[in-house]
Every structure is written in structure tokens, then in C-alpha cells.
Amino acid sequence: MNTVIDCSKKESVAIITFCRSKARNTIGPRMSAELKDIRTEIQRDKTVKVAVLTGEGQDVFCKGTDLAEFYALENKADGIALFSVASIIAAFDCPTIAAINGDAIGQGLELALACDLRICSQKAALAMPQITAGEMPWDGGTQRLARLVGRAKALELILLGETVDAPEAHRIGLVHKVIPPDDLMSVVMDLAQKMAAKSPLSLAYVKEAIHKGMDLTLQQGLRLEADLYYLIHTTEDRTEGIKAFREKRRPQFKGK
């Protein structure tokens, strides 16, 4: 059976590509299961420092849920468990970058929101139009979008179900950069390689401090930040960073 996700590696960067292009990279149980397996493999591979997620070609990143498969299920609660992908992506220890090569619609946008960074093609369109079909976002969209662009804008985008183009997505803070289609992957890979040169422990701790801190009070968040900072000082990577600085060379981090 052919896979619906391809995973390759370039140096310290894992490239996860949705290759279900005939179905517009819509999400079904196979994609969710494969993505979970890939995450497990990446977590075990200590040489992977950053993961990039993208789609085949220049037209579609992910067009959302495979509705034919979803509606065929008798128990929709089972569907949420089988089809969910955002929680899988959010559980990556290493930083994740969504290279949004084309349209990210519905659950496809929810998938991108679960990544740490979003770099978008100029040709991409983004939307959560579930409400137009009498549905609502269910894979983290109502929560992550509001935290990203603010409550008022999230309400506008979800309640109206309107599509925004790449420049507007950048203006409201939904994506970090907008890149010409032909240059998207080279820009993303350059960004990923720069990030991968950092200590993987520092990257993971920063993710933990920011993501967990969003659900804490300021004082609790500051305590978490301090605890993680002190923990970094017990690592070999911290010692290597100091040594490399003194010797005026590039540090060789090992994630220990």
C-alpha cells in the first residue's frame, strides 16, 4: 500500500510532505496514522533538529478533512480520534515549520496552526469555512487561531468562514512570511538549517516555556522559564556553547 506522507531528511531537517495530491491532500485516518508514526521516528532520531511540513506541488498544502471518509463513520467521536492531526504536530519536541505551498483550508489550516512557524506561498489561500456547512472547527482551530491573531479576528474569520489571501494572512499575523512559490522551500530550508544549528535542548525548552506558559499565570510562567533556564545550565550543550564561544568556533551540540 502506497503511503500518503513522504518523510525525507536533509542534514538535521526532516521534510514531511503530504503526497495525496489527487485528493487535495485531505486528511483521513491513514494520514493521521502515518503522521503519528513519523513523529515517533523523528523523536527517536536525535540527529533531527527541525521538522518541515509541506504538500506536493504549488497548489495545495491541505484542503481539510476527507469528508467522504469522515461522514462514512457512524460514530463522529471515533472520527475525531482517527482524523485528528493537530495534536500530533503540537507534540513534536523539535520546532516545526509549515511550508504552506498552496491552499490551507479547514482542518488543513488547523494543521498549520499547530506548527511553530508558518511560511506561506504568495499563491496560497487560507480559511476555516466549516461554519458554512453547519459545522465548526474541531482540530484545535478555535483555540489556536484566537491565541495567534486575537479573539476578535478569530471570531471574524471563523464566524464568516471567509478566505484570506497570503498578504492578508501575513498582515494579521496568521503567517510569518510570504514567499514567491518558486522560492518557498529554499527560504524555509534556510530558516530550518539556521534553527537546526542551535542546541536541540534549548529549542525544546523554549517551545515548552512559550506553549505551556500560555496556559499559566504570568508568575507561573516566569517560574517555568526560570526552572528551564536553570536546567539548561546542567547540560553538556551549555558547556559546549561556552567552550565554543571562548574558542571562537561554531558549537557542536549533541542534545545532551
C-alpha atoms as a PDB file:
ATOM      1  CA  MET A   1       0.000   0.000   0.000  1.00  0.00           C
ATOM      2  CA  ASN A   2       1.386   3.380  -1.004  1.00  0.00           C
ATOM      3  CA  THR A   3       1.993   5.891   1.755  1.00  0.00           C
ATOM      4  CA  VAL A   4       0.214   9.244   1.759  1.00  0.00           C
ATOM      5  CA  ILE A   5       3.083  11.043   3.510  1.00  0.00           C
ATOM      6  CA  ASP A   6       6.722  11.092   2.450  1.00  0.00           C
ATOM      7  CA  CYS A   7       9.423  11.793   5.023  1.00  0.00           C
ATOM      8  CA  SER A   8      12.966  12.577   3.979  1.00  0.00           C
ATOM      9  CA  LYS A   9      15.904  14.156   5.764  1.00  0.00           C
ATOM     10  CA  LYS A  10      18.383  16.799   4.704  1.00  0.00           C
ATOM     11  CA  GLU A  11      21.157  17.119   7.251  1.00  0.00           C
ATOM     12  CA  SER A  12      19.340  17.861  10.547  1.00  0.00           C
ATOM     13  CA  VAL A  13      15.980  18.760   8.996  1.00  0.00           C
ATOM     14  CA  ALA A  14      13.130  16.294   8.460  1.00  0.00           C
ATOM     15  CA  ILE A  15      10.884  17.140   5.488  1.00  0.00           C
ATOM     16  CA  ILE A  16       7.356  15.772   5.828  1.00  0.00           C
ATOM     17  CA  THR A  17       5.433  16.003   2.557  1.00  0.00           C
ATOM     18  CA  PHE A  18       1.739  15.305   2.114  1.00  0.00           C
ATOM     19  CA  CYS A  19       1.530  13.400  -1.157  1.00  0.00           C
ATOM     20  CA  ARG A  20      -2.163  12.766  -1.520  1.00  0.00           C
ATOM     21  CA  SER A  21      -2.430  15.389  -4.237  1.00  0.00           C
ATOM     22  CA  LYS A  22      -5.255  13.733  -6.190  1.00  0.00           C
ATOM     23  CA  ALA A  23      -7.396  14.092  -3.076  1.00  0.00           C
ATOM     24  CA  ARG A  24      -6.109  17.643  -2.480  1.00  0.00           C
ATOM     25  CA  ASN A  25      -4.081  16.353   0.491  1.00  0.00           C
ATOM     26  CA  THR A  26      -7.256  15.954   2.521  1.00  0.00           C
ATOM     27  CA  ILE A  27      -6.874  14.315   5.909  1.00  0.00           C
ATOM     28  CA  GLY A  28      -8.051  10.796   6.619  1.00  0.00           C
ATOM     29  CA  PRO A  29      -7.188   8.066   9.108  1.00  0.00           C
ATOM     30  CA  ARG A  30      -4.186   6.893   7.061  1.00  0.00           C
ATOM     31  CA  MET A  31      -2.621  10.340   7.013  1.00  0.00           C
ATOM     32  CA  SER A  32      -3.170  10.729  10.743  1.00  0.00           C
ATOM     33  CA  ALA A  33      -1.705   7.293  11.500  1.00  0.00           C
ATOM     34  CA  GLU A  34       1.318   7.827   9.246  1.00  0.00           C
ATOM     35  CA  LEU A  35       1.980  11.243  10.719  1.00  0.00           C
ATOM     36  CA  LYS A  36       1.924   9.755  14.215  1.00  0.00           C
ATOM     37  CA  ASP A  37       4.409   7.042  13.163  1.00  0.00           C
ATOM     38  CA  ILE A  38       6.670   9.645  11.540  1.00  0.00           C
ATOM     39  CA  ARG A  39       6.618  11.770  14.680  1.00  0.00           C
ATOM     40  CA  THR A  40       7.656   8.744  16.744  1.00  0.00           C
ATOM     41  CA  GLU A  41      10.560   8.061  14.389  1.00  0.00           C
ATOM     42  CA  ILE A  42      11.682  11.681  14.466  1.00  0.00           C
ATOM     43  CA  GLN A  43      11.505  11.806  18.257  1.00  0.00           C
ATOM     44  CA  ARG A  44      13.834   8.782  18.377  1.00  0.00           C
ATOM     45  CA  ASP A  45      16.247  10.237  15.804  1.00  0.00           C
ATOM     46  CA  LYS A  46      18.424  12.591  17.828  1.00  0.00           C
ATOM     47  CA  THR A  47      20.004  13.973  14.641  1.00  0.00           C
ATOM     48  CA  VAL A  48      16.736  15.660  13.598  1.00  0.00           C
ATOM     49  CA  LYS A  49      16.587  19.203  14.970  1.00  0.00           C
ATOM     50  CA  VAL A  50      13.701  20.713  12.948  1.00  0.00           C
ATOM     51  CA  ALA A  51      10.702  19.304  11.056  1.00  0.00           C
ATOM     52  CA  VAL A  52       9.218  20.958   7.950  1.00  0.00           C
ATOM     53  CA  LEU A  53       5.692  20.094   6.798  1.00  0.00           C
ATOM     54  CA  THR A  54       4.522  20.821   3.257  1.00  0.00           C
ATOM     55  CA  GLY A  55       2.435  19.499   0.369  1.00  0.00           C
ATOM     56  CA  GLU A  56       3.265  18.315  -3.128  1.00  0.00           C
ATOM     57  CA  GLY A  57       3.390  20.927  -5.873  1.00  0.00           C
ATOM     58  CA  GLN A  58       2.390  24.585  -5.631  1.00  0.00           C
ATOM     59  CA  ASP A  59      -1.395  24.403  -5.389  1.00  0.00           C
ATOM     60  CA  VAL A  60      -2.476  22.726  -2.168  1.00  0.00           C
ATOM     61  CA  PHE A  61      -0.982  22.435   1.285  1.00  0.00           C
ATOM     62  CA  CYS A  62      -4.021  20.664   2.724  1.00  0.00           C
ATOM     63  CA  LYS A  63      -7.668  21.130   1.713  1.00  0.00           C
ATOM     64  CA  GLY A  64      -9.005  19.902   5.050  1.00  0.00           C
ATOM     65  CA  THR A  65     -10.829  16.754   6.129  1.00  0.00           C
ATOM     66  CA  ASP A  66     -11.681  13.955   3.714  1.00  0.00           C
ATOM     67  CA  LEU A  67     -15.424  14.399   4.225  1.00  0.00           C
ATOM     68  CA  ALA A  68     -16.423  11.236   2.368  1.00  0.00           C
ATOM     69  CA  GLU A  69     -14.369   9.166   4.792  1.00  0.00           C
ATOM     70  CA  PHE A  70     -15.429  11.203   7.818  1.00  0.00           C
ATOM     71  CA  TYR A  71     -19.182  11.093   7.129  1.00  0.00           C
ATOM     72  CA  ALA A  72     -18.979   7.352   6.457  1.00  0.00           C
ATOM     73  CA  LEU A  73     -18.265   6.836  10.158  1.00  0.00           C
ATOM     74  CA  GLU A  74     -21.262   6.100  12.347  1.00  0.00           C
ATOM     75  CA  ASN A  75     -19.633   7.489  15.484  1.00  0.00           C
ATOM     76  CA  LYS A  76     -18.270  11.013  14.962  1.00  0.00           C
ATOM     77  CA  ALA A  77     -16.374  10.821  18.260  1.00  0.00           C
ATOM     78  CA  ASP A  78     -14.350   7.993  16.718  1.00  0.00           C
ATOM     79  CA  GLY A  79     -13.751  10.260  13.720  1.00  0.00           C
ATOM     80  CA  ILE A  80     -12.190  12.972  15.844  1.00  0.00           C
ATOM     81  CA  ALA A  81      -9.745  10.448  17.293  1.00  0.00           C
ATOM     82  CA  LEU A  82      -8.968   8.870  13.906  1.00  0.00           C
ATOM     83  CA  PHE A  83      -8.703  12.079  11.862  1.00  0.00           C
ATOM     84  CA  SER A  84      -7.025  14.490  14.288  1.00  0.00           C
ATOM     85  CA  VAL A  85      -3.545  15.670  13.255  1.00  0.00           C
ATOM     86  CA  ALA A  86      -3.012  18.966  15.073  1.00  0.00           C
ATOM     87  CA  SER A  87      -2.346  17.322  18.422  1.00  0.00           C
ATOM     88  CA  ILE A  88       0.223  15.054  16.765  1.00  0.00           C
ATOM     89  CA  ILE A  89       2.104  18.029  15.351  1.00  0.00           C
ATOM     90  CA  ALA A  90       1.852  20.006  18.579  1.00  0.00           C
ATOM     91  CA  ALA A  91       3.542  17.112  20.412  1.00  0.00           C
ATOM     92  CA  PHE A  92       6.786  17.353  18.415  1.00  0.00           C
ATOM     93  CA  ASP A  93       9.678  18.191  20.730  1.00  0.00           C
ATOM     94  CA  CYS A  94      11.644  19.866  17.927  1.00  0.00           C
ATOM     95  CA  PRO A  95      10.473  23.062  16.206  1.00  0.00           C
ATOM     96  CA  THR A  96       8.037  22.582  13.332  1.00  0.00           C
ATOM     97  CA  ILE A  97       7.647  24.801  10.275  1.00  0.00           C
ATOM     98  CA  ALA A  98       4.628  24.732   7.963  1.00  0.00           C
ATOM     99  CA  ALA A  99       5.781  25.490   4.409  1.00  0.00           C
ATOM    100  CA  ILE A 100       2.329  26.420   3.123  1.00  0.00           C
ATOM    101  CA  ASN A 101       2.844  25.802  -0.580  1.00  0.00           C
ATOM    102  CA  GLY A 102      -0.821  26.252  -1.503  1.00  0.00           C
ATOM    103  CA  ASP A 103      -4.315  26.441  -0.068  1.00  0.00           C
ATOM    104  CA  ALA A 104      -4.733  25.584   3.624  1.00  0.00           C
ATOM    105  CA  ILE A 105      -8.437  25.164   4.223  1.00  0.00           C
ATOM    106  CA  GLY A 106     -10.442  23.986   7.220  1.00  0.00           C
ATOM    107  CA  GLN A 107      -8.578  21.255   9.053  1.00  0.00           C
ATOM    108  CA  GLY A 108      -5.635  21.988   6.746  1.00  0.00           C
ATOM    109  CA  LEU A 109      -5.305  25.409   8.361  1.00  0.00           C
ATOM    110  CA  GLU A 110      -5.762  23.851  11.797  1.00  0.00           C
ATOM    111  CA  LEU A 111      -2.837  21.579  10.940  1.00  0.00           C
ATOM    112  CA  ALA A 112      -0.684  24.580  10.002  1.00  0.00           C
ATOM    113  CA  LEU A 113      -1.675  26.397  13.212  1.00  0.00           C
ATOM    114  CA  ALA A 114      -0.224  23.529  15.247  1.00  0.00           C
ATOM    115  CA  CYS A 115       3.219  24.234  13.756  1.00  0.00           C
ATOM    116  CA  ASP A 116       5.571  26.684  15.448  1.00  0.00           C
ATOM    117  CA  LEU A 117       6.193  28.778  12.327  1.00  0.00           C
ATOM    118  CA  ARG A 118       4.191  29.261   9.126  1.00  0.00           C
ATOM    119  CA  ILE A 119       5.860  30.371   5.892  1.00  0.00           C
ATOM    120  CA  CYS A 120       3.382  30.918   3.087  1.00  0.00           C
ATOM    121  CA  SER A 121       3.442  30.941  -0.721  1.00  0.00           C
ATOM    122  CA  GLN A 122       2.111  34.075  -2.385  1.00  0.00           C
ATOM    123  CA  LYS A 123      -0.431  31.881  -4.179  1.00  0.00           C
ATOM    124  CA  ALA A 124      -1.907  30.325  -1.024  1.00  0.00           C
ATOM    125  CA  ALA A 125      -5.371  30.964   0.345  1.00  0.00           C
ATOM    126  CA  LEU A 126      -6.289  30.247   3.965  1.00  0.00           C
ATOM    127  CA  ALA A 127      -9.702  29.744   5.557  1.00  0.00           C
ATOM    128  CA  MET A 128     -11.806  27.964   8.163  1.00  0.00           C
ATOM    129  CA  PRO A 129     -15.099  27.709   6.269  1.00  0.00           C
ATOM    130  CA  GLN A 130     -16.631  24.908   8.355  1.00  0.00           C
ATOM    131  CA  ILE A 131     -19.485  27.128   9.557  1.00  0.00           C
ATOM    132  CA  THR A 132     -20.820  27.480   6.009  1.00  0.00           C
ATOM    133  CA  ALA A 133     -21.626  23.755   6.070  1.00  0.00           C
ATOM    134  CA  GLY A 134     -23.208  23.890   9.524  1.00  0.00           C
ATOM    135  CA  GLU A 135     -20.029  22.616  11.152  1.00  0.00           C
ATOM    136  CA  MET A 136     -17.280  24.205  13.257  1.00  0.00           C
ATOM    137  CA  PRO A 137     -13.501  23.772  13.608  1.00  0.00           C
ATOM    138  CA  TRP A 138     -12.735  20.789  15.845  1.00  0.00           C
ATOM    139  CA  ASP A 139      -8.989  20.096  15.497  1.00  0.00           C
ATOM    140  CA  GLY A 140      -7.838  22.985  17.678  1.00  0.00           C
ATOM    141  CA  GLY A 141      -8.803  25.797  15.313  1.00  0.00           C
ATOM    142  CA  THR A 142     -10.959  27.844  17.683  1.00  0.00           C
ATOM    143  CA  GLN A 143      -8.249  27.757  20.344  1.00  0.00           C
ATOM    144  CA  ARG A 144      -5.027  28.184  18.355  1.00  0.00           C
ATOM    145  CA  LEU A 145      -6.352  30.803  15.942  1.00  0.00           C
ATOM    146  CA  ALA A 146      -7.575  33.045  18.772  1.00  0.00           C
ATOM    147  CA  ARG A 147      -4.245  32.742  20.574  1.00  0.00           C
ATOM    148  CA  LEU A 148      -2.433  33.644  17.360  1.00  0.00           C
ATOM    149  CA  VAL A 149      -4.410  36.525  15.840  1.00  0.00           C
ATOM    150  CA  GLY A 150      -6.524  37.604  18.815  1.00  0.00           C
ATOM    151  CA  ARG A 151     -10.092  36.843  19.813  1.00  0.00           C
ATOM    152  CA  ALA A 152     -11.771  39.493  17.654  1.00  0.00           C
ATOM    153  CA  LYS A 153     -10.052  38.489  14.423  1.00  0.00           C
ATOM    154  CA  ALA A 154     -10.502  34.776  15.118  1.00  0.00           C
ATOM    155  CA  LEU A 155     -14.231  35.322  15.642  1.00  0.00           C
ATOM    156  CA  GLU A 156     -14.434  37.243  12.364  1.00  0.00           C
ATOM    157  CA  LEU A 157     -12.584  34.599  10.355  1.00  0.00           C
ATOM    158  CA  ILE A 158     -14.468  31.636  11.795  1.00  0.00           C
ATOM    159  CA  LEU A 159     -17.965  33.152  12.051  1.00  0.00           C
ATOM    160  CA  LEU A 160     -17.847  34.470   8.476  1.00  0.00           C
ATOM    161  CA  GLY A 161     -15.931  31.500   7.094  1.00  0.00           C
ATOM    162  CA  GLU A 162     -14.170  33.821   4.671  1.00  0.00           C
ATOM    163  CA  THR A 163     -10.960  33.097   2.780  1.00  0.00           C
ATOM    164  CA  VAL A 164      -7.916  35.334   3.194  1.00  0.00           C
ATOM    165  CA  ASP A 165      -5.059  35.593   0.739  1.00  0.00           C
ATOM    166  CA  ALA A 166      -1.393  35.346   1.690  1.00  0.00           C
ATOM    167  CA  PRO A 167      -0.711  39.095   2.128  1.00  0.00           C
ATOM    168  CA  GLU A 168      -3.740  39.484   4.413  1.00  0.00           C
ATOM    169  CA  ALA A 169      -2.728  36.380   6.377  1.00  0.00           C
ATOM    170  CA  HIS A 170       0.667  37.992   6.933  1.00  0.00           C
ATOM    171  CA  ARG A 171      -0.846  41.337   7.899  1.00  0.00           C
ATOM    172  CA  ILE A 172      -2.953  39.811  10.671  1.00  0.00           C
ATOM    173  CA  GLY A 173      -0.126  37.621  11.955  1.00  0.00           C
ATOM    174  CA  LEU A 174      -1.500  34.309  10.737  1.00  0.00           C
ATOM    175  CA  VAL A 175       1.720  33.562   8.829  1.00  0.00           C
ATOM    176  CA  HIS A 176       5.249  34.792   9.462  1.00  0.00           C
ATOM    177  CA  LYS A 177       6.474  35.328   5.889  1.00  0.00           C
ATOM    178  CA  VAL A 178       5.038  35.350   2.357  1.00  0.00           C
ATOM    179  CA  ILE A 179       7.377  33.993  -0.307  1.00  0.00           C
ATOM    180  CA  PRO A 180       7.193  33.590  -4.121  1.00  0.00           C
ATOM    181  CA  PRO A 181       6.145  29.985  -4.895  1.00  0.00           C
ATOM    182  CA  ASP A 182       9.411  29.019  -6.584  1.00  0.00           C
ATOM    183  CA  ASP A 183      11.447  30.249  -3.616  1.00  0.00           C
ATOM    184  CA  LEU A 184       9.314  28.869  -0.786  1.00  0.00           C
ATOM    185  CA  MET A 185      11.207  25.677   0.038  1.00  0.00           C
ATOM    186  CA  SER A 186      14.645  27.252  -0.296  1.00  0.00           C
ATOM    187  CA  VAL A 187      13.656  30.015   2.137  1.00  0.00           C
ATOM    188  CA  VAL A 188      12.086  27.526   4.554  1.00  0.00           C
ATOM    189  CA  MET A 189      15.079  25.183   4.408  1.00  0.00           C
ATOM    190  CA  ASP A 190      17.490  28.056   5.011  1.00  0.00           C
ATOM    191  CA  LEU A 191      15.451  29.078   8.047  1.00  0.00           C
ATOM    192  CA  ALA A 192      15.286  25.469   9.259  1.00  0.00           C
ATOM    193  CA  GLN A 193      19.043  24.952   8.881  1.00  0.00           C
ATOM    194  CA  LYS A 194      19.770  28.116  10.866  1.00  0.00           C
ATOM    195  CA  MET A 195      17.475  26.878  13.608  1.00  0.00           C
ATOM    196  CA  ALA A 196      18.986  23.379  13.480  1.00  0.00           C
ATOM    197  CA  ALA A 197      22.422  24.841  14.235  1.00  0.00           C
ATOM    198  CA  LYS A 198      21.165  25.720  17.722  1.00  0.00           C
ATOM    199  CA  SER A 199      21.121  23.385  20.714  1.00  0.00           C
ATOM    200  CA  PRO A 200      18.143  20.999  20.385  1.00  0.00           C
ATOM    201  CA  LEU A 201      17.631  21.192  24.149  1.00  0.00           C
ATOM    202  CA  SER A 202      17.421  24.975  24.020  1.00  0.00           C
ATOM    203  CA  LEU A 203      14.945  24.753  21.147  1.00  0.00           C
ATOM    204  CA  ALA A 204      12.780  22.247  23.019  1.00  0.00           C
ATOM    205  CA  TYR A 205      12.860  24.231  26.274  1.00  0.00           C
ATOM    206  CA  VAL A 206      11.921  27.452  24.511  1.00  0.00           C
ATOM    207  CA  LYS A 207       8.945  25.670  22.911  1.00  0.00           C
ATOM    208  CA  GLU A 208       7.903  24.303  26.287  1.00  0.00           C
ATOM    209  CA  ALA A 209       8.220  27.671  28.022  1.00  0.00           C
ATOM    210  CA  ILE A 210       6.157  29.528  25.430  1.00  0.00           C
ATOM    211  CA  HIS A 211       3.454  26.933  24.747  1.00  0.00           C
ATOM    212  CA  LYS A 212       2.897  25.877  28.352  1.00  0.00           C
ATOM    213  CA  GLY A 213       3.267  29.448  29.562  1.00  0.00           C
ATOM    214  CA  MET A 214       0.221  30.488  27.518  1.00  0.00           C
ATOM    215  CA  ASP A 215      -1.951  28.432  29.867  1.00  0.00           C
ATOM    216  CA  LEU A 216      -0.336  29.726  33.076  1.00  0.00           C
ATOM    217  CA  THR A 217      -0.477  32.953  35.033  1.00  0.00           C
ATOM    218  CA  LEU A 218       2.417  35.342  34.460  1.00  0.00           C
ATOM    219  CA  GLN A 219       4.048  34.351  37.751  1.00  0.00           C
ATOM    220  CA  GLN A 220       3.687  30.644  36.988  1.00  0.00           C
ATOM    221  CA  GLY A 221       5.103  31.209  33.511  1.00  0.00           C
ATOM    222  CA  LEU A 222       8.079  33.095  34.896  1.00  0.00           C
ATOM    223  CA  ARG A 223       8.713  30.231  37.320  1.00  0.00           C
ATOM    224  CA  LEU A 224       8.607  27.716  34.473  1.00  0.00           C
ATOM    225  CA  GLU A 225      11.006  29.845  32.435  1.00  0.00           C
ATOM    226  CA  ALA A 226      13.441  30.081  35.364  1.00  0.00           C
ATOM    227  CA  ASP A 227      13.277  26.333  36.025  1.00  0.00           C
ATOM    228  CA  LEU A 228      14.039  25.520  32.391  1.00  0.00           C
ATOM    229  CA  TYR A 229      16.839  28.094  32.330  1.00  0.00           C
ATOM    230  CA  TYR A 230      18.491  26.501  35.343  1.00  0.00           C
ATOM    231  CA  LEU A 231      18.018  23.067  33.797  1.00  0.00           C
ATOM    232  CA  ILE A 232      19.858  24.154  30.640  1.00  0.00           C
ATOM    233  CA  HIS A 233      22.883  25.006  32.766  1.00  0.00           C
ATOM    234  CA  THR A 234      23.180  21.348  33.775  1.00  0.00           C
ATOM    235  CA  THR A 235      23.546  20.150  30.163  1.00  0.00           C
ATOM    236  CA  GLU A 236      26.585  19.268  28.089  1.00  0.00           C
ATOM    237  CA  ASP A 237      25.283  21.527  25.315  1.00  0.00           C
ATOM    238  CA  ARG A 238      25.530  24.551  27.607  1.00  0.00           C
ATOM    239  CA  THR A 239      29.137  23.650  28.436  1.00  0.00           C
ATOM    240  CA  GLU A 240      29.871  23.216  24.728  1.00  0.00           C
ATOM    241  CA  GLY A 241      28.281  26.581  23.940  1.00  0.00           C
ATOM    242  CA  ILE A 242      30.532  28.371  26.441  1.00  0.00           C
ATOM    243  CA  LYS A 243      33.605  26.498  25.244  1.00  0.00           C
ATOM    244  CA  ALA A 244      32.867  27.275  21.580  1.00  0.00           C
ATOM    245  CA  PHE A 245      32.360  30.958  22.377  1.00  0.00           C
ATOM    246  CA  ARG A 246      35.724  31.149  24.117  1.00  0.00           C
ATOM    247  CA  GLU A 247      37.447  29.277  21.292  1.00  0.00           C
ATOM    248  CA  LYS A 248      35.675  31.397  18.653  1.00  0.00           C
ATOM    249  CA  ARG A 249      34.261  28.430  16.764  1.00  0.00           C
ATOM    250  CA  ARG A 250      30.857  27.016  15.884  1.00  0.00           C
ATOM    251  CA  PRO A 251      29.457  24.865  18.718  1.00  0.00           C
ATOM    252  CA  GLN A 252      28.819  21.160  18.137  1.00  0.00           C
ATOM    253  CA  PHE A 253      25.641  20.479  20.059  1.00  0.00           C
ATOM    254  CA  LYS A 254      24.645  16.874  20.838  1.00  0.00           C
ATOM    255  CA  GLY A 255      21.341  17.335  22.597  1.00  0.00           C
ATOM    256  CA  LYS A 256      22.724  16.222  25.977  1.00  0.00           C
END
